[in-house]
Protein backbone atom coordinates (compact mmCIF):
# COMPACT_ATOMS: atom_id res chain seq x y z
CA MET A 1 -20.65 -11.62 -24.10
CA ILE A 2 -18.36 -11.77 -21.12
CA ASP A 3 -15.33 -12.87 -23.25
CA PHE A 4 -15.20 -9.43 -24.92
CA VAL A 5 -14.69 -5.77 -23.94
CA VAL A 6 -15.13 -2.61 -26.03
CA ASN A 7 -11.99 -0.49 -25.70
CA GLU A 8 -11.22 2.87 -27.20
CA ASN A 9 -7.90 4.04 -28.54
CA ASP A 10 -6.59 6.66 -30.99
CA LYS A 11 -8.30 4.78 -33.84
CA GLY A 12 -11.69 4.71 -32.19
CA ARG A 13 -13.73 1.97 -30.39
CA GLY A 14 -13.34 -1.74 -31.05
CA LEU A 15 -14.36 -5.17 -29.82
CA TYR A 16 -11.43 -7.02 -28.12
CA ALA A 17 -11.26 -10.53 -26.74
CA LYS A 18 -10.39 -10.84 -23.07
CA ILE A 19 -9.17 -14.46 -23.54
CA LYS A 20 -7.26 -16.40 -26.22
CA PHE A 21 -9.29 -18.54 -28.55
CA SER A 22 -7.99 -21.77 -30.21
CA ARG A 23 -7.90 -21.85 -34.00
CA GLY A 24 -11.32 -22.71 -35.49
CA THR A 25 -13.22 -21.82 -32.21
CA ARG A 26 -16.49 -20.02 -32.76
CA VAL A 27 -15.93 -16.67 -31.11
CA LEU A 28 -19.34 -15.10 -31.31
CA ILE A 29 -22.63 -15.33 -33.13
CA LEU A 30 -23.87 -12.17 -34.64
CA GLU A 31 -27.51 -11.40 -33.93
CA GLY A 32 -29.46 -8.48 -35.08
CA ASN A 33 -31.64 -6.97 -37.70
CA TYR A 34 -31.12 -7.51 -41.47
CA LEU A 35 -31.43 -4.38 -43.53
CA PRO A 36 -31.46 -3.82 -47.34
CA TYR A 37 -29.09 -0.85 -46.93
CA PRO A 38 -25.81 -0.12 -45.15
CA THR A 39 -25.48 1.86 -41.88
CA LYS A 40 -22.44 3.19 -40.10
CA THR A 41 -22.27 0.10 -37.91
CA SER A 42 -23.73 -2.69 -40.16
CA ILE A 43 -21.78 -5.58 -41.66
CA GLN A 44 -22.54 -6.45 -45.24
CA ILE A 45 -23.30 -10.18 -45.85
CA GLY A 46 -24.06 -10.68 -49.53
CA LYS A 47 -26.66 -8.15 -50.45
CA LYS A 48 -27.98 -7.69 -46.95
CA HIS A 49 -26.57 -5.81 -44.01
CA ILE A 50 -26.76 -7.09 -40.38
CA GLU A 51 -27.03 -4.48 -37.67
CA SER A 52 -25.88 -5.84 -34.31
CA TRP A 53 -24.23 -4.35 -31.22
CA GLU A 54 -21.18 -6.65 -31.45
CA GLY A 55 -20.90 -6.34 -35.24
CA GLY A 56 -20.95 -2.54 -34.93
CA HIS A 57 -17.71 -2.76 -32.82
CA ILE A 58 -15.77 -5.26 -34.96
CA ASN A 59 -13.01 -3.37 -36.70
CA HIS A 60 -11.44 -4.00 -40.12
CA HIS A 61 -7.82 -5.21 -40.19
CA CYS A 62 -5.53 -5.95 -43.13
CA ASP A 63 -4.07 -8.97 -41.29
CA PRO A 64 -7.15 -10.31 -39.42
CA ASN A 65 -6.99 -13.05 -36.77
CA THR A 66 -10.71 -13.92 -37.14
CA GLU A 67 -12.96 -14.55 -40.07
CA ILE A 68 -16.72 -14.33 -40.59
CA LYS A 69 -18.39 -17.58 -41.35
CA ILE A 70 -21.93 -17.67 -42.86
CA HIS A 71 -24.14 -20.64 -41.97
CA LYS A 72 -27.81 -21.07 -42.74
CA ASN A 73 -28.74 -20.77 -39.11
CA PHE A 74 -26.27 -18.10 -37.97
CA ILE A 75 -23.50 -15.67 -38.87
CA GLY A 76 -20.48 -15.82 -36.57
CA THR A 77 -16.84 -15.18 -36.32
CA CYS A 78 -14.20 -17.89 -35.89
CA SER A 79 -10.67 -17.55 -34.68
CA SER A 80 -8.12 -18.08 -37.48
CA SER A 81 -5.06 -17.34 -35.29
CA LEU A 82 -2.91 -20.14 -33.84
């Protein structure tokens, strides 16, 4: 995960890209444990929750520049910015 850094500001910690990604580029693949219940750092995918280090640092934004894509073999984020 060398393309990312966890920074902290007045809103807390977050995962930030260190480089620009082209639109549609797979940014990262979330790997972790699936749980039947939410945690403070899990991401809900359908009825399950994935607990991963990277996912725990992805922040919500009302105008996001990435989107979560669900595939049968992985869950990942893709750049939606230009």
